[in-house]
Amino acid sequence: IACARLVRGEGRGANIISFDMGGTTAKAALIENG
């Protein structure tokens, strides 16, 4: 959700892959058109 807000709030290209790596797992998600 923070990534989606980043895209919409800063007028970036609307298509991103979020990559979240912490101490236990790595997570990824797709954001298209914001």
PDB file of all heavy atoms in Angstrom:
ATOM      1  N   ILE A   1       0.837  -1.204   0.000  1.00  0.00           N
ATOM      2  CA  ILE A   1       0.000   0.000   0.000  1.00  0.00           C
ATOM      3  C   ILE A   1       0.870   1.251   0.000  1.00  0.00           C
ATOM      4  O   ILE A   1       0.592   2.228  -0.707  1.00  0.00           O
ATOM      5  CB  ILE A   1      -0.944  -0.006   1.218  1.00  0.00           C
ATOM      6  CG1 ILE A   1      -1.977  -1.127   1.086  1.00  0.00           C
ATOM      7  CG2 ILE A   1      -1.634   1.341   1.368  1.00  0.00           C
ATOM      8  CD1 ILE A   1      -2.871  -1.015  -0.135  1.00  0.00           C
ATOM      9  N   ALA A   2       1.951   1.236   0.780  1.00  0.00           N
ATOM     10  CA  ALA A   2       2.865   2.387   0.790  1.00  0.00           C
ATOM     11  C   ALA A   2       3.480   2.600  -0.583  1.00  0.00           C
ATOM     12  O   ALA A   2       3.650   3.740  -1.041  1.00  0.00           O
ATOM     13  CB  ALA A   2       3.957   2.176   1.843  1.00  0.00           C
ATOM     14  N   CYS A   3       3.820   1.506  -1.270  1.00  0.00           N
ATOM     15  CA  CYS A   3       4.373   1.624  -2.627  1.00  0.00           C
ATOM     16  C   CYS A   3       3.359   2.229  -3.586  1.00  0.00           C
ATOM     17  O   CYS A   3       3.696   3.077  -4.420  1.00  0.00           O
ATOM     18  CB  CYS A   3       4.811   0.251  -3.135  1.00  0.00           C
ATOM     19  SG  CYS A   3       6.398  -0.290  -2.493  1.00  0.00           S
ATOM     20  N   ALA A   4       2.118   1.778  -3.490  1.00  0.00           N
ATOM     21  CA  ALA A   4       1.080   2.310  -4.370  1.00  0.00           C
ATOM     22  C   ALA A   4       0.879   3.803  -4.132  1.00  0.00           C
ATOM     23  O   ALA A   4       0.695   4.579  -5.081  1.00  0.00           O
ATOM     24  CB  ALA A   4      -0.229   1.549  -4.156  1.00  0.00           C
ATOM     25  N   ARG A   5       0.911   4.216  -2.883  1.00  0.00           N
ATOM     26  CA  ARG A   5       0.796   5.639  -2.559  1.00  0.00           C
ATOM     27  C   ARG A   5       1.996   6.415  -3.104  1.00  0.00           C
ATOM     28  O   ARG A   5       1.869   7.550  -3.557  1.00  0.00           O
ATOM     29  CB  ARG A   5       0.705   5.819  -1.044  1.00  0.00           C
ATOM     30  CG  ARG A   5      -0.552   5.238  -0.419  1.00  0.00           C
ATOM     31  CD  ARG A   5      -1.718   6.185  -0.538  1.00  0.00           C
ATOM     32  NE  ARG A   5      -2.892   5.663   0.140  1.00  0.00           N
ATOM     33  CZ  ARG A   5      -4.042   6.311   0.232  1.00  0.00           C
ATOM     34  NH1 ARG A   5      -4.168   7.519  -0.311  1.00  0.00           N
ATOM     35  NH2 ARG A   5      -5.064   5.777   0.844  1.00  0.00           N
ATOM     36  N   LEU A   6       3.179   5.794  -3.039  1.00  0.00           N
ATOM     37  CA  LEU A   6       4.388   6.428  -3.570  1.00  0.00           C
ATOM     38  C   LEU A   6       4.228   6.707  -5.057  1.00  0.00           C
ATOM     39  O   LEU A   6       4.557   7.793  -5.553  1.00  0.00           O
ATOM     40  CB  LEU A   6       5.590   5.519  -3.328  1.00  0.00           C
ATOM     41  CG  LEU A   6       6.934   5.968  -3.898  1.00  0.00           C
ATOM     42  CD1 LEU A   6       7.484   7.114  -3.064  1.00  0.00           C
ATOM     43  CD2 LEU A   6       7.924   4.818  -3.927  1.00  0.00           C
ATOM     44  N   VAL A   7       3.693   5.737  -5.774  1.00  0.00           N
ATOM     45  CA  VAL A   7       3.509   5.886  -7.215  1.00  0.00           C
ATOM     46  C   VAL A   7       2.511   6.993  -7.523  1.00  0.00           C
ATOM     47  O   VAL A   7       2.761   7.879  -8.341  1.00  0.00           O
ATOM     48  CB  VAL A   7       3.023   4.550  -7.826  1.00  0.00           C
ATOM     49  CG1 VAL A   7       2.590   4.755  -9.270  1.00  0.00           C
ATOM     50  CG2 VAL A   7       4.131   3.511  -7.761  1.00  0.00           C
ATOM     51  N   ARG A   8       1.366   6.944  -6.841  1.00  0.00           N
ATOM     52  CA  ARG A   8       0.316   7.923  -7.141  1.00  0.00           C
ATOM     53  C   ARG A   8       0.687   9.315  -6.662  1.00  0.00           C
ATOM     54  O   ARG A   8       0.391  10.311  -7.311  1.00  0.00           O
ATOM     55  CB  ARG A   8      -0.997   7.479  -6.493  1.00  0.00           C
ATOM     56  CG  ARG A   8      -1.580   6.209  -7.092  1.00  0.00           C
ATOM     57  CD  ARG A   8      -3.036   6.047  -6.714  1.00  0.00           C
ATOM     58  NE  ARG A   8      -3.227   5.848  -5.294  1.00  0.00           N
ATOM     59  CZ  ARG A   8      -3.313   4.657  -4.713  1.00  0.00           C
ATOM     60  NH1 ARG A   8      -3.177   3.563  -5.435  1.00  0.00           N
ATOM     61  NH2 ARG A   8      -3.496   4.555  -3.412  1.00  0.00           N
ATOM     62  N   GLY A   9       1.352   9.392  -5.485  1.00  0.00           N
ATOM     63  CA  GLY A   9       1.628  10.689  -4.893  1.00  0.00           C
ATOM     64  C   GLY A   9       2.750  11.451  -5.553  1.00  0.00           C
ATOM     65  O   GLY A   9       2.798  12.670  -5.479  1.00  0.00           O
ATOM     66  N   GLU A  10       3.684  10.755  -6.217  1.00  0.00           N
ATOM     67  CA  GLU A  10       4.848  11.433  -6.782  1.00  0.00           C
ATOM     68  C   GLU A  10       4.853  11.429  -8.299  1.00  0.00           C
ATOM     69  O   GLU A  10       5.820  11.846  -8.919  1.00  0.00           O
ATOM     70  CB  GLU A  10       6.128  10.772  -6.246  1.00  0.00           C
ATOM     71  CG  GLU A  10       6.262  10.896  -4.742  1.00  0.00           C
ATOM     72  CD  GLU A  10       7.536  10.261  -4.228  1.00  0.00           C
ATOM     73  OE1 GLU A  10       8.354   9.824  -5.058  1.00  0.00           O
ATOM     74  OE2 GLU A  10       7.713  10.205  -2.998  1.00  0.00           O
ATOM     75  N   GLY A  11       3.781  10.935  -8.899  1.00  0.00           N
ATOM     76  CA  GLY A  11       3.674  10.963 -10.352  1.00  0.00           C
ATOM     77  C   GLY A  11       4.692  10.107 -11.061  1.00  0.00           C
ATOM     78  O   GLY A  11       5.101  10.397 -12.188  1.00  0.00           O
ATOM     79  N   ARG A  12       5.139   9.027 -10.390  1.00  0.00           N
ATOM     80  CA  ARG A  12       6.119   8.152 -11.018  1.00  0.00           C
ATOM     81  C   ARG A  12       5.450   7.279 -12.071  1.00  0.00           C
ATOM     82  O   ARG A  12       4.232   7.220 -12.187  1.00  0.00           O
ATOM     83  CB  ARG A  12       6.772   7.246  -9.968  1.00  0.00           C
ATOM     84  CG  ARG A  12       7.633   8.007  -8.986  1.00  0.00           C
ATOM     85  CD  ARG A  12       8.319   7.059  -8.028  1.00  0.00           C
ATOM     86  NE  ARG A  12       9.233   7.816  -7.156  1.00  0.00           N
ATOM     87  CZ  ARG A  12      10.466   8.119  -7.472  1.00  0.00           C
ATOM     88  NH1 ARG A  12      10.962   7.730  -8.627  1.00  0.00           N
ATOM     89  NH2 ARG A  12      11.228   8.818  -6.659  1.00  0.00           N
ATOM     90  N   GLY A  13       6.295   6.546 -12.818  1.00  0.00           N
ATOM     91  CA  GLY A  13       5.747   5.545 -13.708  1.00  0.00           C
ATOM     92  C   GLY A  13       4.867   4.610 -12.920  1.00  0.00           C
ATOM     93  O   GLY A  13       5.200   4.194 -11.812  1.00  0.00           O
ATOM     94  N   ALA A  14       3.725   4.270 -13.453  1.00  0.00           N
ATOM     95  CA  ALA A  14       2.702   3.588 -12.672  1.00  0.00           C
ATOM     96  C   ALA A  14       2.985   2.120 -12.443  1.00  0.00           C
ATOM     97  O   ALA A  14       2.280   1.471 -11.685  1.00  0.00           O
ATOM     98  CB  ALA A  14       1.345   3.750 -13.360  1.00  0.00           C
ATOM     99  N   ASN A  15       3.995   1.553 -13.084  1.00  0.00           N
ATOM    100  CA  ASN A  15       4.236   0.119 -12.991  1.00  0.00           C
ATOM    101  C   ASN A  15       5.511  -0.162 -12.205  1.00  0.00           C
ATOM    102  O   ASN A  15       6.611   0.167 -12.645  1.00  0.00           O
ATOM    103  CB  ASN A  15       4.344  -0.496 -14.393  1.00  0.00           C
ATOM    104  CG  ASN A  15       3.049  -0.355 -15.170  1.00  0.00           C
ATOM    105  OD1 ASN A  15       1.971  -0.338 -14.584  1.00  0.00           O
ATOM    106  ND2 ASN A  15       3.162  -0.257 -16.473  1.00  0.00           N
ATOM    107  N   ILE A  16       5.343  -0.775 -11.048  1.00  0.00           N
ATOM    108  CA  ILE A  16       6.494  -1.082 -10.208  1.00  0.00           C
ATOM    109  C   ILE A  16       6.336  -2.483  -9.608  1.00  0.00           C
ATOM    110  O   ILE A  16       5.231  -3.033  -9.543  1.00  0.00           O
ATOM    111  CB  ILE A  16       6.693  -0.061  -9.061  1.00  0.00           C
ATOM    112  CG1 ILE A  16       5.522  -0.126  -8.073  1.00  0.00           C
ATOM    113  CG2 ILE A  16       6.871   1.330  -9.596  1.00  0.00           C
ATOM    114  CD1 ILE A  16       5.725   0.751  -6.851  1.00  0.00           C
ATOM    115  N   ILE A  17       7.453  -3.049  -9.187  1.00  0.00           N
ATOM    116  CA  ILE A  17       7.473  -4.275  -8.402  1.00  0.00           C
ATOM    117  C   ILE A  17       7.999  -3.909  -7.027  1.00  0.00           C
ATOM    118  O   ILE A  17       9.089  -3.346  -6.899  1.00  0.00           O
ATOM    119  CB  ILE A  17       8.374  -5.348  -9.037  1.00  0.00           C
ATOM    120  CG1 ILE A  17       7.821  -5.784 -10.393  1.00  0.00           C
ATOM    121  CG2 ILE A  17       8.501  -6.561  -8.109  1.00  0.00           C
ATOM    122  CD1 ILE A  17       8.765  -6.698 -11.170  1.00  0.00           C
ATOM    123  N   SER A  18       7.225  -4.177  -6.003  1.00  0.00           N
ATOM    124  CA  SER A  18       7.693  -3.912  -4.643  1.00  0.00           C
ATOM    125  C   SER A  18       8.499  -5.111  -4.162  1.00  0.00           C
ATOM    126  O   SER A  18       8.124  -6.263  -4.392  1.00  0.00           O
ATOM    127  CB  SER A  18       6.512  -3.649  -3.701  1.00  0.00           C
ATOM    128  OG  SER A  18       5.788  -4.837  -3.455  1.00  0.00           O
ATOM    129  N   PHE A  19       9.599  -4.839  -3.498  1.00  0.00           N
ATOM    130  CA  PHE A  19      10.450  -5.894  -2.951  1.00  0.00           C
ATOM    131  C   PHE A  19      10.770  -5.556  -1.508  1.00  0.00           C
ATOM    132  O   PHE A  19      11.430  -4.560  -1.219  1.00  0.00           O
ATOM    133  CB  PHE A  19      11.740  -6.048  -3.763  1.00  0.00           C
ATOM    134  CG  PHE A  19      12.675  -7.083  -3.204  1.00  0.00           C
ATOM    135  CD1 PHE A  19      12.369  -8.431  -3.295  1.00  0.00           C
ATOM    136  CD2 PHE A  19      13.846  -6.708  -2.560  1.00  0.00           C
ATOM    137  CE1 PHE A  19      13.219  -9.395  -2.752  1.00  0.00           C
ATOM    138  CE2 PHE A  19      14.698  -7.653  -2.030  1.00  0.00           C
ATOM    139  CZ  PHE A  19      14.385  -9.003  -2.122  1.00  0.00           C
ATOM    140  N   ASP A  20      10.277  -6.385  -0.613  1.00  0.00           N
ATOM    141  CA  ASP A  20      10.375  -6.145   0.822  1.00  0.00           C
ATOM    142  C   ASP A  20      11.133  -7.308   1.450  1.00  0.00           C
ATOM    143  O   ASP A  20      10.643  -8.440   1.458  1.00  0.00           O
ATOM    144  CB  ASP A  20       8.960  -6.034   1.403  1.00  0.00           C
ATOM    145  CG  ASP A  20       8.947  -5.911   2.921  1.00  0.00           C
ATOM    146  OD1 ASP A  20      10.020  -5.754   3.523  1.00  0.00           O
ATOM    147  OD2 ASP A  20       7.842  -5.960   3.490  1.00  0.00           O
ATOM    148  N   MET A  21      12.322  -7.042   1.956  1.00  0.00           N
ATOM    149  CA  MET A  21      13.110  -8.088   2.605  1.00  0.00           C
ATOM    150  C   MET A  21      13.424  -7.676   4.032  1.00  0.00           C
ATOM    151  O   MET A  21      14.016  -6.627   4.275  1.00  0.00           O
ATOM    152  CB  MET A  21      14.412  -8.347   1.845  1.00  0.00           C
ATOM    153  CG  MET A  21      15.269  -9.440   2.457  1.00  0.00           C
ATOM    154  SD  MET A  21      16.842  -9.616   1.585  1.00  0.00           S
ATOM    155  CE  MET A  21      17.705 -10.766   2.656  1.00  0.00           C
ATOM    156  N   GLY A  22      12.976  -8.495   4.960  1.00  0.00           N
ATOM    157  CA  GLY A  22      13.237  -8.226   6.362  1.00  0.00           C
ATOM    158  C   GLY A  22      14.180  -9.257   6.945  1.00  0.00           C
ATOM    159  O   GLY A  22      15.086  -9.745   6.272  1.00  0.00           O
ATOM    160  N   GLY A  23      13.928  -9.630   8.181  1.00  0.00           N
ATOM    161  CA  GLY A  23      14.798 -10.573   8.842  1.00  0.00           C
ATOM    162  C   GLY A  23      14.435 -12.022   8.610  1.00  0.00           C
ATOM    163  O   GLY A  23      15.259 -12.909   8.813  1.00  0.00           O
ATOM    164  N   THR A  24      13.189 -12.284   8.175  1.00  0.00           N
ATOM    165  CA  THR A  24      12.723 -13.660   8.048  1.00  0.00           C
ATOM    166  C   THR A  24      12.352 -14.041   6.627  1.00  0.00           C
ATOM    167  O   THR A  24      12.631 -15.156   6.187  1.00  0.00           O
ATOM    168  CB  THR A  24      11.507 -13.883   8.978  1.00  0.00           C
ATOM    169  OG1 THR A  24      11.847 -13.474  10.306  1.00  0.00           O
ATOM    170  CG2 THR A  24      11.087 -15.339   8.987  1.00  0.00           C
ATOM    171  N   THR A  25      11.708 -13.122   5.901  1.00  0.00           N
ATOM    172  CA  THR A  25      11.203 -13.446   4.566  1.00  0.00           C
ATOM    173  C   THR A  25      11.502 -12.330   3.579  1.00  0.00           C
ATOM    174  O   THR A  25      11.842 -11.208   3.951  1.00  0.00           O
ATOM    175  CB  THR A  25       9.672 -13.667   4.595  1.00  0.00           C
ATOM    176  OG1 THR A  25       9.038 -12.476   5.105  1.00  0.00           O
ATOM    177  CG2 THR A  25       9.300 -14.849   5.471  1.00  0.00           C
ATOM    178  N   ALA A  26      11.336 -12.672   2.300  1.00  0.00           N
ATOM    179  CA  ALA A  26      11.373 -11.689   1.210  1.00  0.00           C
ATOM    180  C   ALA A  26      10.019 -11.730   0.523  1.00  0.00           C
ATOM    181  O   ALA A  26       9.481 -12.811   0.242  1.00  0.00           O
ATOM    182  CB  ALA A  26      12.487 -12.014   0.224  1.00  0.00           C
ATOM    183  N   LYS A  27       9.444 -10.553   0.259  1.00  0.00           N
ATOM    184  CA  LYS A  27       8.116 -10.453  -0.326  1.00  0.00           C
ATOM    185  C   LYS A  27       8.142  -9.586  -1.573  1.00  0.00           C
ATOM    186  O   LYS A  27       8.901  -8.621  -1.643  1.00  0.00           O
ATOM    187  CB  LYS A  27       7.126  -9.820   0.669  1.00  0.00           C
ATOM    188  CG  LYS A  27       6.679 -10.716   1.787  1.00  0.00           C
ATOM    189  CD  LYS A  27       7.510 -10.675   3.028  1.00  0.00           C
ATOM    190  CE  LYS A  27       7.740  -9.393   3.706  1.00  0.00           C
ATOM    191  NZ  LYS A  27       8.577  -9.548   4.929  1.00  0.00           N
ATOM    192  N   ALA A  28       7.309  -9.931  -2.543  1.00  0.00           N
ATOM    193  CA  ALA A  28       7.213  -9.134  -3.768  1.00  0.00           C
ATOM    194  C   ALA A  28       5.753  -9.002  -4.164  1.00  0.00           C
ATOM    195  O   ALA A  28       4.933  -9.889  -3.893  1.00  0.00           O
ATOM    196  CB  ALA A  28       8.015  -9.778  -4.903  1.00  0.00           C
ATOM    197  N   ALA A  29       5.431  -7.886  -4.808  1.00  0.00           N
ATOM    198  CA  ALA A  29       4.073  -7.650  -5.299  1.00  0.00           C
ATOM    199  C   ALA A  29       4.146  -6.770  -6.538  1.00  0.00           C
ATOM    200  O   ALA A  29       5.124  -6.046  -6.748  1.00  0.00           O
ATOM    201  CB  ALA A  29       3.200  -6.993  -4.228  1.00  0.00           C
ATOM    202  N   LEU A  30       3.107  -6.845  -7.337  1.00  0.00           N
ATOM    203  CA  LEU A  30       3.039  -6.097  -8.593  1.00  0.00           C
ATOM    204  C   LEU A  30       2.064  -4.938  -8.441  1.00  0.00           C
ATOM    205  O   LEU A  30       0.960  -5.115  -7.903  1.00  0.00           O
ATOM    206  CB  LEU A  30       2.577  -7.025  -9.722  1.00  0.00           C
ATOM    207  CG  LEU A  30       2.798  -6.542 -11.154  1.00  0.00           C
ATOM    208  CD1 LEU A  30       4.278  -6.607 -11.502  1.00  0.00           C
ATOM    209  CD2 LEU A  30       1.992  -7.417 -12.117  1.00  0.00           C
ATOM    210  N   ILE A  31       2.470  -3.761  -8.911  1.00  0.00           N
ATOM    211  CA  ILE A  31       1.592  -2.589  -8.922  1.00  0.00           C
ATOM    212  C   ILE A  31       1.551  -2.067 -10.350  1.00  0.00           C
ATOM    213  O   ILE A  31       2.572  -1.648 -10.902  1.00  0.00           O
ATOM    214  CB  ILE A  31       2.094  -1.498  -7.961  1.00  0.00           C
ATOM    215  CG1 ILE A  31       2.098  -2.037  -6.521  1.00  0.00           C
ATOM    216  CG2 ILE A  31       1.240  -0.244  -8.061  1.00  0.00           C
ATOM    217  CD1 ILE A  31       2.744  -1.108  -5.525  1.00  0.00           C
ATOM    218  N   GLU A  32       0.367  -2.130 -10.961  1.00  0.00           N
ATOM    219  CA  GLU A  32       0.179  -1.671 -12.334  1.00  0.00           C
ATOM    220  C   GLU A  32      -0.827  -0.533 -12.353  1.00  0.00           C
ATOM    221  O   GLU A  32      -1.867  -0.597 -11.690  1.00  0.00           O
ATOM    222  CB  GLU A  32      -0.311  -2.816 -13.219  1.00  0.00           C
ATOM    223  CG  GLU A  32       0.734  -3.897 -13.454  1.00  0.00           C
ATOM    224  CD  GLU A  32       0.242  -4.962 -14.425  1.00  0.00           C
ATOM    225  OE1 GLU A  32      -0.609  -5.775 -14.025  1.00  0.00           O
ATOM    226  OE2 GLU A  32       0.714  -4.981 -15.564  1.00  0.00           O
ATOM    227  N   ASN A  33      -0.506   0.499 -13.128  1.00  0.00           N
ATOM    228  CA  ASN A  33      -1.370   1.670 -13.223  1.00  0.00           C
ATOM    229  C   ASN A  33      -1.708   2.239 -11.846  1.00  0.00           C
ATOM    230  O   ASN A  33      -2.804   2.736 -11.604  1.00  0.00           O
ATOM    231  CB  ASN A  33      -2.662   1.317 -13.976  1.00  0.00           C
ATOM    232  CG  ASN A  33      -2.386   0.812 -15.373  1.00  0.00           C
ATOM    233  OD1 ASN A  33      -1.542   1.360 -16.080  1.00  0.00           O
ATOM    234  ND2 ASN A  33      -3.074  -0.241 -15.773  1.00  0.00           N
ATOM    235  N   GLY A  34      -0.736   2.144 -10.944  1.00  0.00           N
ATOM    236  CA  GLY A  34      -0.912   2.715  -9.621  1.00  0.00           C
ATOM    237  C   GLY A  34      -1.726   1.888  -8.659  1.00  0.00           C
ATOM    238  O   GLY A  34      -1.950   2.301  -7.515  1.00  0.00           O
TER     239      GLY A  34
END
